[in-house]
Amino acid sequence: MSDIRILKAVEFDKLSSATKKCYGSVQGLRDAGWWLQRKYDGCFGMAVVSAVGKHRMLSRTGEDYTKSCQHILDELAACANEQSGGWDTFVVLGEVWSAGMLFKDISGRFRQQREVARELFFACNDLLPEELETTLLYAERFADLENLLAFRPVPGQLFPVDTDRAGTGDPEAAARRL
């Protein structure tokens, strides 16, 4: 896998000085073509769905939480099987989340490594090849992700994040809404 860092979502004023200097404001991000996505109050998950059946769910720091998320991984594999009989290993980035549940409870269920965590859902926001490197634009990857999730056997268990393409309207109002 490539040497990438997974960063937490933050408000504009908490971005690095270099980023703030480069873009100047949320409007600057909008003008540069950034996308806005809803921040679910969950745990980052990196679902590695293997063509040979050994799926894994990793945290932002690389810890393995496969056991508590096996149902999510099985659903992603089922989506790939429904879409195409033969497929390569792929990675879906997103948030392990549950509506109406406090973050501390989501985190606890995610980390407890029990097979009783079926109340956890996966808000998906990116689709990547196994090596995590691609020349595809994010818009293309997100469209591919939406196509993959169109084949989900249990609607609601997996879903693409709410997304608003920056570039129209008031970006700060859209960010608050998302």
N, C-alpha and C. Protein backbone atom coordinates (compact mmCIF):
# COMPACT_ATOMS: atom_id res chain seq x y z
N MET A 1 0.83 -1.18 0.00
CA MET A 1 0.00 0.00 0.00
C MET A 1 0.87 1.24 0.00
N SER A 2 0.29 2.31 -0.50
CA SER A 2 1.05 3.55 -0.55
C SER A 2 1.19 4.14 0.84
N ASP A 3 2.09 5.07 0.97
CA ASP A 3 2.35 5.73 2.25
C ASP A 3 1.48 6.99 2.32
N ILE A 4 0.21 6.81 2.70
CA ILE A 4 -0.68 7.96 2.81
C ILE A 4 -1.11 8.13 4.25
N ARG A 5 -1.51 9.35 4.60
CA ARG A 5 -2.03 9.64 5.93
C ARG A 5 -3.52 9.91 5.80
N ILE A 6 -4.29 9.35 6.71
CA ILE A 6 -5.72 9.61 6.75
C ILE A 6 -5.93 10.73 7.76
N LEU A 7 -6.51 11.83 7.32
CA LEU A 7 -6.69 12.99 8.18
C LEU A 7 -8.12 13.07 8.67
N LYS A 8 -8.29 13.70 9.82
CA LYS A 8 -9.63 13.93 10.35
C LYS A 8 -10.25 15.14 9.66
N ALA A 9 -11.57 15.13 9.57
CA ALA A 9 -12.31 16.28 9.04
C ALA A 9 -12.29 17.39 10.09
N VAL A 10 -12.03 18.61 9.64
CA VAL A 10 -11.98 19.75 10.56
C VAL A 10 -12.60 20.97 9.92
N GLU A 11 -12.89 21.96 10.75
CA GLU A 11 -13.38 23.24 10.27
C GLU A 11 -12.25 24.00 9.59
N PHE A 12 -12.60 24.99 8.76
CA PHE A 12 -11.59 25.75 8.03
C PHE A 12 -10.56 26.37 8.96
N ASP A 13 -11.00 26.95 10.07
CA ASP A 13 -10.05 27.64 10.96
C ASP A 13 -9.09 26.69 11.66
N LYS A 14 -9.32 25.38 11.57
CA LYS A 14 -8.41 24.41 12.17
C LYS A 14 -7.48 23.75 11.14
N LEU A 15 -7.56 24.20 9.88
CA LEU A 15 -6.65 23.70 8.85
C LEU A 15 -5.25 24.24 9.09
N SER A 16 -4.28 23.66 8.44
CA SER A 16 -2.90 24.12 8.61
C SER A 16 -2.77 25.56 8.11
N SER A 17 -1.79 26.25 8.63
CA SER A 17 -1.54 27.64 8.21
C SER A 17 -1.28 27.71 6.71
N ALA A 18 -0.55 26.74 6.18
CA ALA A 18 -0.24 26.74 4.75
C ALA A 18 -1.52 26.60 3.91
N THR A 19 -2.43 25.74 4.34
CA THR A 19 -3.69 25.56 3.60
C THR A 19 -4.54 26.82 3.68
N LYS A 20 -4.65 27.38 4.88
CA LYS A 20 -5.43 28.62 5.03
C LYS A 20 -4.84 29.74 4.19
N LYS A 21 -3.52 29.81 4.15
CA LYS A 21 -2.86 30.85 3.36
C LYS A 21 -3.11 30.62 1.86
N CYS A 22 -3.08 29.38 1.44
CA CYS A 22 -3.28 29.04 0.03
C CYS A 22 -4.69 29.38 -0.44
N TYR A 23 -5.71 29.05 0.36
CA TYR A 23 -7.10 29.21 -0.07
C TYR A 23 -7.78 30.44 0.51
N GLY A 24 -7.33 30.90 1.65
CA GLY A 24 -7.84 32.14 2.25
C GLY A 24 -9.16 32.04 2.98
N SER A 25 -10.09 31.22 2.50
CA SER A 25 -11.41 31.12 3.11
C SER A 25 -12.12 29.89 2.56
N VAL A 26 -13.31 29.64 3.12
CA VAL A 26 -14.14 28.57 2.59
C VAL A 26 -14.48 28.88 1.14
N GLN A 27 -14.69 30.15 0.85
CA GLN A 27 -14.98 30.56 -0.54
C GLN A 27 -13.80 30.20 -1.45
N GLY A 28 -12.58 30.34 -0.96
CA GLY A 28 -11.40 29.97 -1.74
C GLY A 28 -11.37 28.47 -2.04
N LEU A 29 -11.77 27.67 -1.07
CA LEU A 29 -11.88 26.22 -1.30
C LEU A 29 -12.94 25.94 -2.37
N ARG A 30 -14.06 26.65 -2.26
CA ARG A 30 -15.15 26.50 -3.23
C ARG A 30 -14.64 26.84 -4.63
N ASP A 31 -13.96 27.96 -4.75
CA ASP A 31 -13.46 28.39 -6.05
C ASP A 31 -12.45 27.40 -6.64
N ALA A 32 -11.74 26.69 -5.75
CA ALA A 32 -10.74 25.71 -6.20
C ALA A 32 -11.39 24.37 -6.55
N GLY A 33 -12.72 24.24 -6.33
CA GLY A 33 -13.42 23.03 -6.74
C GLY A 33 -13.51 21.94 -5.70
N TRP A 34 -13.30 22.27 -4.43
CA TRP A 34 -13.41 21.27 -3.37
C TRP A 34 -14.85 20.78 -3.25
N TRP A 35 -15.03 19.56 -2.75
CA TRP A 35 -16.34 18.97 -2.49
C TRP A 35 -16.64 19.10 -1.00
N LEU A 36 -17.90 19.25 -0.65
CA LEU A 36 -18.33 19.26 0.74
C LEU A 36 -19.06 17.95 1.00
N GLN A 37 -18.77 17.33 2.14
CA GLN A 37 -19.45 16.09 2.49
C GLN A 37 -19.89 16.17 3.94
N ARG A 38 -21.02 15.53 4.20
CA ARG A 38 -21.51 15.48 5.56
C ARG A 38 -20.50 14.74 6.42
N LYS A 39 -20.27 15.26 7.62
CA LYS A 39 -19.41 14.58 8.59
C LYS A 39 -20.31 13.82 9.54
N TYR A 40 -20.32 12.51 9.40
CA TYR A 40 -21.08 11.66 10.30
C TYR A 40 -20.27 11.54 11.58
N ASP A 41 -20.90 11.45 12.70
CA ASP A 41 -20.18 11.38 13.97
C ASP A 41 -19.85 9.92 14.27
N GLY A 42 -18.97 9.37 13.45
CA GLY A 42 -18.60 7.97 13.58
C GLY A 42 -17.10 7.78 13.57
N CYS A 43 -16.68 6.56 13.35
CA CYS A 43 -15.26 6.20 13.32
C CYS A 43 -14.84 5.96 11.87
N PHE A 44 -13.69 6.52 11.50
CA PHE A 44 -13.17 6.29 10.16
C PHE A 44 -12.98 4.79 9.96
N GLY A 45 -13.36 4.32 8.79
CA GLY A 45 -13.15 2.93 8.45
C GLY A 45 -12.56 2.80 7.06
N MET A 46 -11.61 1.91 6.92
CA MET A 46 -11.05 1.59 5.61
C MET A 46 -11.36 0.12 5.36
N ALA A 47 -12.38 -0.11 4.53
CA ALA A 47 -12.81 -1.47 4.22
C ALA A 47 -11.97 -2.00 3.05
N VAL A 48 -11.21 -3.04 3.31
CA VAL A 48 -10.42 -3.70 2.27
C VAL A 48 -11.19 -4.97 1.90
N VAL A 49 -11.76 -4.97 0.71
CA VAL A 49 -12.61 -6.08 0.27
C VAL A 49 -11.81 -6.90 -0.73
N SER A 50 -11.44 -8.08 -0.31
CA SER A 50 -10.52 -8.93 -1.06
C SER A 50 -11.23 -9.85 -2.03
N ALA A 51 -10.68 -9.94 -3.21
CA ALA A 51 -11.22 -10.83 -4.23
C ALA A 51 -11.10 -12.30 -3.81
N VAL A 52 -10.22 -12.59 -2.86
CA VAL A 52 -10.04 -13.97 -2.39
C VAL A 52 -10.75 -14.21 -1.06
N GLY A 53 -11.54 -13.25 -0.60
CA GLY A 53 -12.40 -13.47 0.56
C GLY A 53 -11.87 -13.11 1.92
N LYS A 54 -10.68 -12.56 2.02
CA LYS A 54 -10.17 -12.17 3.34
C LYS A 54 -10.31 -10.65 3.48
N HIS A 55 -11.50 -10.22 3.89
CA HIS A 55 -11.80 -8.80 4.01
C HIS A 55 -11.32 -8.28 5.36
N ARG A 56 -11.02 -6.95 5.39
CA ARG A 56 -10.59 -6.33 6.64
C ARG A 56 -11.19 -4.93 6.76
N MET A 57 -11.45 -4.53 8.00
CA MET A 57 -11.86 -3.15 8.29
C MET A 57 -10.79 -2.57 9.20
N LEU A 58 -10.15 -1.52 8.71
CA LEU A 58 -9.06 -0.89 9.46
C LEU A 58 -9.49 0.49 9.93
N SER A 59 -8.96 0.90 11.08
CA SER A 59 -9.22 2.23 11.62
C SER A 59 -8.28 3.23 10.96
N ARG A 60 -8.45 4.50 11.30
CA ARG A 60 -7.58 5.56 10.77
C ARG A 60 -6.12 5.30 11.11
N THR A 61 -5.87 4.65 12.25
CA THR A 61 -4.50 4.39 12.68
C THR A 61 -4.02 2.99 12.31
N GLY A 62 -4.81 2.26 11.51
CA GLY A 62 -4.39 0.95 11.02
C GLY A 62 -4.78 -0.23 11.90
N GLU A 63 -5.54 0.02 12.98
CA GLU A 63 -5.97 -1.09 13.82
C GLU A 63 -7.05 -1.89 13.08
N ASP A 64 -7.06 -3.20 13.31
CA ASP A 64 -7.99 -4.09 12.61
C ASP A 64 -9.26 -4.28 13.44
N TYR A 65 -10.41 -3.88 12.87
CA TYR A 65 -11.70 -4.02 13.52
C TYR A 65 -12.66 -4.83 12.63
N THR A 66 -12.10 -5.84 12.01
CA THR A 66 -12.86 -6.67 11.08
C THR A 66 -14.03 -7.36 11.75
N LYS A 67 -13.82 -7.92 12.92
CA LYS A 67 -14.85 -8.73 13.55
C LYS A 67 -16.14 -7.95 13.78
N SER A 68 -16.04 -6.72 14.26
CA SER A 68 -17.25 -5.94 14.54
C SER A 68 -17.87 -5.38 13.27
N CYS A 69 -17.17 -5.44 12.14
CA CYS A 69 -17.68 -4.89 10.89
C CYS A 69 -17.80 -5.93 9.79
N GLN A 70 -17.79 -7.20 10.14
CA GLN A 70 -17.85 -8.25 9.13
C GLN A 70 -19.10 -8.12 8.27
N HIS A 71 -20.22 -7.73 8.87
CA HIS A 71 -21.47 -7.59 8.10
C HIS A 71 -21.34 -6.51 7.03
N ILE A 72 -20.60 -5.44 7.32
CA ILE A 72 -20.37 -4.37 6.35
C ILE A 72 -19.49 -4.89 5.21
N LEU A 73 -18.44 -5.60 5.56
CA LEU A 73 -17.52 -6.15 4.55
C LEU A 73 -18.24 -7.17 3.66
N ASP A 74 -19.08 -8.00 4.27
CA ASP A 74 -19.84 -8.98 3.48
C ASP A 74 -20.78 -8.28 2.51
N GLU A 75 -21.40 -7.19 2.94
CA GLU A 75 -22.32 -6.43 2.07
C GLU A 75 -21.55 -5.82 0.89
N LEU A 76 -20.36 -5.26 1.16
CA LEU A 76 -19.55 -4.69 0.08
C LEU A 76 -19.15 -5.77 -0.93
N ALA A 77 -18.76 -6.92 -0.43
CA ALA A 77 -18.39 -8.03 -1.32
C ALA A 77 -19.61 -8.49 -2.13
N ALA A 78 -20.78 -8.53 -1.50
CA ALA A 78 -22.01 -8.92 -2.21
C ALA A 78 -22.32 -7.92 -3.32
N CYS A 79 -22.09 -6.63 -3.05
CA CYS A 79 -22.29 -5.60 -4.08
C CYS A 79 -21.39 -5.87 -5.28
N ALA A 80 -20.13 -6.16 -5.01
CA ALA A 80 -19.17 -6.41 -6.09
C ALA A 80 -19.57 -7.67 -6.86
N ASN A 81 -20.03 -8.70 -6.15
CA ASN A 81 -20.44 -9.94 -6.82
C ASN A 81 -21.66 -9.72 -7.70
N GLU A 82 -22.60 -8.90 -7.23
CA GLU A 82 -23.80 -8.61 -8.01
C GLU A 82 -23.47 -7.81 -9.27
N GLN A 83 -22.49 -6.92 -9.13
CA GLN A 83 -22.14 -6.04 -10.25
C GLN A 83 -21.33 -6.78 -11.31
N SER A 84 -20.45 -7.65 -10.85
CA SER A 84 -19.55 -8.32 -11.77
C SER A 84 -19.07 -9.62 -11.15
N GLY A 85 -19.09 -10.67 -11.91
CA GLY A 85 -18.66 -11.97 -11.39
C GLY A 85 -17.21 -12.00 -10.95
N GLY A 86 -16.33 -11.33 -11.67
CA GLY A 86 -14.92 -11.30 -11.31
C GLY A 86 -14.49 -9.88 -11.02
N TRP A 87 -13.84 -9.67 -9.89
CA TRP A 87 -13.42 -8.32 -9.53
C TRP A 87 -12.12 -8.39 -8.73
N ASP A 88 -11.42 -7.28 -8.74
CA ASP A 88 -10.16 -7.17 -8.01
C ASP A 88 -10.42 -6.66 -6.60
N THR A 89 -9.45 -6.87 -5.71
CA THR A 89 -9.52 -6.31 -4.37
C THR A 89 -9.67 -4.80 -4.47
N PHE A 90 -10.54 -4.24 -3.64
CA PHE A 90 -10.74 -2.80 -3.64
C PHE A 90 -10.88 -2.29 -2.21
N VAL A 91 -10.79 -0.98 -2.06
CA VAL A 91 -10.86 -0.32 -0.76
C VAL A 91 -11.97 0.72 -0.80
N VAL A 92 -12.80 0.72 0.24
CA VAL A 92 -13.82 1.76 0.39
C VAL A 92 -13.50 2.50 1.69
N LEU A 93 -13.38 3.81 1.58
CA LEU A 93 -13.16 4.65 2.75
C LEU A 93 -14.50 5.21 3.20
N GLY A 94 -14.68 5.35 4.49
CA GLY A 94 -15.93 5.90 4.99
C GLY A 94 -15.94 5.99 6.50
N GLU A 95 -17.15 6.13 7.05
CA GLU A 95 -17.33 6.22 8.49
C GLU A 95 -18.27 5.12 8.96
N VAL A 96 -17.82 4.40 9.98
CA VAL A 96 -18.68 3.44 10.65
C VAL A 96 -19.54 4.27 11.59
N TRP A 97 -20.86 4.15 11.45
CA TRP A 97 -21.77 5.11 12.07
C TRP A 97 -23.10 4.45 12.36
N SER A 98 -23.89 5.06 13.24
CA SER A 98 -25.25 4.61 13.49
C SER A 98 -26.11 5.82 13.87
N ALA A 99 -27.22 5.98 13.19
CA ALA A 99 -28.11 7.12 13.42
C ALA A 99 -28.62 7.12 14.85
N GLY A 100 -28.57 8.28 15.48
CA GLY A 100 -29.11 8.43 16.82
C GLY A 100 -28.22 7.90 17.93
N MET A 101 -27.08 7.33 17.59
CA MET A 101 -26.18 6.78 18.60
C MET A 101 -25.06 7.78 18.88
N LEU A 102 -24.70 7.95 20.13
CA LEU A 102 -23.61 8.85 20.49
C LEU A 102 -22.28 8.29 19.98
N PHE A 103 -21.35 9.21 19.70
CA PHE A 103 -20.04 8.79 19.20
C PHE A 103 -19.39 7.78 20.12
N LYS A 104 -19.44 8.02 21.42
CA LYS A 104 -18.76 7.10 22.36
C LYS A 104 -19.33 5.68 22.27
N ASP A 105 -20.64 5.57 21.98
CA ASP A 105 -21.25 4.25 21.84
C ASP A 105 -20.89 3.61 20.49
N ILE A 106 -20.85 4.43 19.44
CA ILE A 106 -20.42 3.92 18.13
C ILE A 106 -18.98 3.42 18.24
N SER A 107 -18.12 4.24 18.82
CA SER A 107 -16.72 3.89 18.97
C SER A 107 -16.56 2.61 19.79
N GLY A 108 -17.34 2.49 20.86
CA GLY A 108 -17.26 1.30 21.71
C GLY A 108 -17.65 0.05 20.96
N ARG A 109 -18.73 0.12 20.20
CA ARG A 109 -19.18 -1.06 19.43
C ARG A 109 -18.20 -1.40 18.32
N PHE A 110 -17.63 -0.35 17.69
CA PHE A 110 -16.64 -0.55 16.62
C PHE A 110 -15.41 -1.26 17.18
N ARG A 111 -14.97 -0.85 18.35
CA ARG A 111 -13.72 -1.35 18.91
C ARG A 111 -13.84 -2.61 19.76
N GLN A 112 -15.07 -3.02 20.12
CA GLN A 112 -15.20 -4.14 21.04
C GLN A 112 -14.94 -5.50 20.41
N GLN A 113 -14.86 -5.57 19.10
CA GLN A 113 -14.53 -6.81 18.39
C GLN A 113 -15.49 -7.95 18.71
N ARG A 114 -16.78 -7.64 18.68
CA ARG A 114 -17.81 -8.67 18.82
C ARG A 114 -18.64 -8.68 17.56
N GLU A 115 -19.23 -9.80 17.30
CA GLU A 115 -20.05 -9.93 16.10
C GLU A 115 -21.48 -9.43 16.32
N VAL A 116 -21.69 -8.63 17.35
CA VAL A 116 -23.03 -8.14 17.66
C VAL A 116 -23.22 -6.69 17.23
N ALA A 117 -22.37 -6.18 16.38
CA ALA A 117 -22.38 -4.76 16.03
C ALA A 117 -23.18 -4.49 14.75
N ARG A 118 -24.22 -5.24 14.49
CA ARG A 118 -25.00 -5.07 13.26
C ARG A 118 -25.73 -3.73 13.18
N GLU A 119 -25.80 -3.01 14.29
CA GLU A 119 -26.42 -1.69 14.26
C GLU A 119 -25.48 -0.64 13.66
N LEU A 120 -24.25 -1.03 13.36
CA LEU A 120 -23.29 -0.13 12.74
C LEU A 120 -23.47 -0.15 11.22
N PHE A 121 -23.52 1.05 10.65
CA PHE A 121 -23.65 1.22 9.21
C PHE A 121 -22.34 1.80 8.67
N PHE A 122 -22.26 1.90 7.36
CA PHE A 122 -21.03 2.42 6.74
C PHE A 122 -21.40 3.50 5.75
N ALA A 123 -21.06 4.75 6.10
CA ALA A 123 -21.23 5.90 5.22
C ALA A 123 -19.98 5.97 4.34
N CYS A 124 -20.11 5.61 3.07
CA CYS A 124 -18.97 5.44 2.16
C CYS A 124 -18.65 6.74 1.43
N ASN A 125 -17.37 7.10 1.36
CA ASN A 125 -17.03 8.35 0.66
C ASN A 125 -15.93 8.23 -0.39
N ASP A 126 -15.33 7.07 -0.58
CA ASP A 126 -14.33 6.94 -1.64
C ASP A 126 -14.14 5.47 -1.98
N LEU A 127 -13.80 5.21 -3.22
CA LEU A 127 -13.54 3.87 -3.72
C LEU A 127 -12.17 3.90 -4.39
N LEU A 128 -11.27 3.04 -3.91
CA LEU A 128 -9.89 3.04 -4.39
C LEU A 128 -9.45 1.61 -4.70
N PRO A 129 -8.43 1.49 -5.55
CA PRO A 129 -7.84 0.16 -5.75
C PRO A 129 -7.04 -0.23 -4.50
N GLU A 130 -6.67 -1.48 -4.41
CA GLU A 130 -5.97 -2.01 -3.23
C GLU A 130 -4.73 -1.20 -2.86
N GLU A 131 -4.00 -0.73 -3.85
CA GLU A 131 -2.75 0.00 -3.56
C GLU A 131 -3.00 1.45 -3.16
N LEU A 132 -4.25 1.88 -3.14
CA LEU A 132 -4.67 3.23 -2.72
C LEU A 132 -4.17 4.34 -3.62
N GLU A 133 -3.73 4.00 -4.80
CA GLU A 133 -3.26 5.01 -5.75
C GLU A 133 -4.01 4.87 -7.05
N THR A 134 -4.46 6.00 -7.59
CA THR A 134 -5.22 5.98 -8.83
C THR A 134 -5.08 7.33 -9.53
N THR A 135 -5.27 7.31 -10.81
CA THR A 135 -5.26 8.57 -11.56
C THR A 135 -6.69 9.07 -11.80
N LEU A 136 -7.69 8.29 -11.36
CA LEU A 136 -9.08 8.71 -11.52
C LEU A 136 -9.38 9.93 -10.65
N LEU A 137 -10.12 10.86 -11.20
CA LEU A 137 -10.57 12.01 -10.43
C LEU A 137 -11.57 11.55 -9.38
N TYR A 138 -11.69 12.36 -8.31
CA TYR A 138 -12.61 11.99 -7.25
C TYR A 138 -14.04 11.84 -7.77
N ALA A 139 -14.46 12.71 -8.66
CA ALA A 139 -15.82 12.63 -9.20
C ALA A 139 -16.06 11.28 -9.87
N GLU A 140 -15.07 10.76 -10.57
CA GLU A 140 -15.19 9.45 -11.22
C GLU A 140 -15.23 8.33 -10.18
N ARG A 141 -14.38 8.44 -9.15
CA ARG A 141 -14.37 7.41 -8.10
C ARG A 141 -15.69 7.41 -7.34
N PHE A 142 -16.23 8.60 -7.06
CA PHE A 142 -17.49 8.68 -6.33
C PHE A 142 -18.63 8.11 -7.17
N ALA A 143 -18.62 8.37 -8.47
CA ALA A 143 -19.64 7.78 -9.36
C ALA A 143 -19.51 6.25 -9.38
N ASP A 144 -18.29 5.74 -9.41
CA ASP A 144 -18.07 4.29 -9.36
C ASP A 144 -18.57 3.72 -8.02
N LEU A 145 -18.34 4.45 -6.94
CA LEU A 145 -18.80 4.03 -5.63
C LEU A 145 -20.33 3.97 -5.59
N GLU A 146 -20.98 5.00 -6.12
CA GLU A 146 -22.45 4.99 -6.17
C GLU A 146 -22.97 3.82 -7.00
N ASN A 147 -22.29 3.52 -8.11
CA ASN A 147 -22.68 2.37 -8.94
C ASN A 147 -22.52 1.06 -8.17
N LEU A 148 -21.41 0.93 -7.44
CA LEU A 148 -21.18 -0.27 -6.63
C LEU A 148 -22.30 -0.43 -5.59
N LEU A 149 -22.62 0.65 -4.90
CA LEU A 149 -23.61 0.59 -3.82
C LEU A 149 -25.04 0.42 -4.33
N ALA A 150 -25.25 0.65 -5.62
CA ALA A 150 -26.57 0.43 -6.20
C ALA A 150 -26.97 -1.04 -6.12
N PHE A 151 -26.00 -1.94 -5.94
CA PHE A 151 -26.25 -3.37 -5.89
C PHE A 151 -26.33 -3.91 -4.46
N ARG A 152 -26.40 -3.02 -3.46
CA ARG A 152 -26.40 -3.49 -2.08
C ARG A 152 -27.67 -4.28 -1.77
N PRO A 153 -27.50 -5.46 -1.15
CA PRO A 153 -28.64 -6.30 -0.86
C PRO A 153 -29.51 -5.78 0.28
N VAL A 154 -28.93 -5.03 1.22
CA VAL A 154 -29.68 -4.49 2.35
C VAL A 154 -29.58 -2.97 2.30
N PRO A 155 -30.55 -2.31 1.65
CA PRO A 155 -30.50 -0.84 1.56
C PRO A 155 -30.41 -0.22 2.96
N GLY A 156 -29.54 0.77 3.09
CA GLY A 156 -29.37 1.45 4.37
C GLY A 156 -28.15 1.01 5.14
N GLN A 157 -27.72 -0.25 4.97
CA GLN A 157 -26.54 -0.74 5.68
C GLN A 157 -25.28 -0.04 5.19
N LEU A 158 -25.22 0.18 3.88
CA LEU A 158 -24.13 0.89 3.23
C LEU A 158 -24.78 2.02 2.44
N PHE A 159 -24.15 3.17 2.42
CA PHE A 159 -24.69 4.25 1.61
C PHE A 159 -23.60 5.26 1.32
N PRO A 160 -23.70 5.94 0.17
CA PRO A 160 -22.74 7.00 -0.12
C PRO A 160 -23.03 8.21 0.78
N VAL A 161 -21.99 8.91 1.18
CA VAL A 161 -22.18 10.09 2.03
C VAL A 161 -22.98 11.14 1.28
N ASP A 162 -23.68 11.98 2.04
CA ASP A 162 -24.33 13.14 1.45
C ASP A 162 -23.24 14.07 0.96
N THR A 163 -23.31 14.44 -0.31
CA THR A 163 -22.26 15.23 -0.93
C THR A 163 -22.86 16.42 -1.65
N ASP A 164 -22.16 17.54 -1.58
CA ASP A 164 -22.58 18.74 -2.27
C ASP A 164 -21.33 19.27 -2.98
N ARG A 165 -21.38 19.31 -4.27
CA ARG A 165 -20.23 19.79 -5.04
C ARG A 165 -20.04 21.26 -4.77
N ALA A 166 -18.91 21.62 -4.21
CA ALA A 166 -18.61 23.03 -3.98
C ALA A 166 -18.60 23.76 -5.31
N GLY A 167 -19.04 24.97 -5.31
CA GLY A 167 -19.00 25.75 -6.53
C GLY A 167 -20.32 26.44 -6.83
N THR A 168 -21.35 26.11 -6.08
CA THR A 168 -22.62 26.79 -6.28
C THR A 168 -23.18 27.19 -4.92
N GLY A 169 -23.86 28.31 -4.88
CA GLY A 169 -24.50 28.76 -3.65
C GLY A 169 -23.53 29.20 -2.58
N ASP A 170 -24.00 29.21 -1.36
CA ASP A 170 -23.22 29.66 -0.21
C ASP A 170 -22.52 28.45 0.41
N PRO A 171 -21.19 28.35 0.28
CA PRO A 171 -20.48 27.15 0.76
C PRO A 171 -20.58 26.98 2.28
N GLU A 172 -20.58 28.06 3.03
CA GLU A 172 -20.65 27.92 4.49
C GLU A 172 -22.02 27.40 4.90
N ALA A 173 -23.09 27.86 4.26
CA ALA A 173 -24.43 27.37 4.56
C ALA A 173 -24.53 25.89 4.17
N ALA A 174 -23.97 25.50 3.04
CA ALA A 174 -23.99 24.10 2.61
C ALA A 174 -23.21 23.23 3.60
N ALA A 175 -22.07 23.72 4.07
CA ALA A 175 -21.27 22.98 5.02
C ALA A 175 -22.05 22.77 6.33
N ARG A 176 -22.72 23.81 6.79
CA ARG A 176 -23.53 23.68 8.01
C ARG A 176 -24.66 22.68 7.79
N ARG A 177 -25.30 22.70 6.64
CA ARG A 177 -26.38 21.78 6.33
C ARG A 177 -25.88 20.34 6.31
N LEU A 178 -24.74 20.12 5.67
CA LEU A 178 -24.19 18.76 5.59
C LEU A 178 -23.67 18.31 6.93
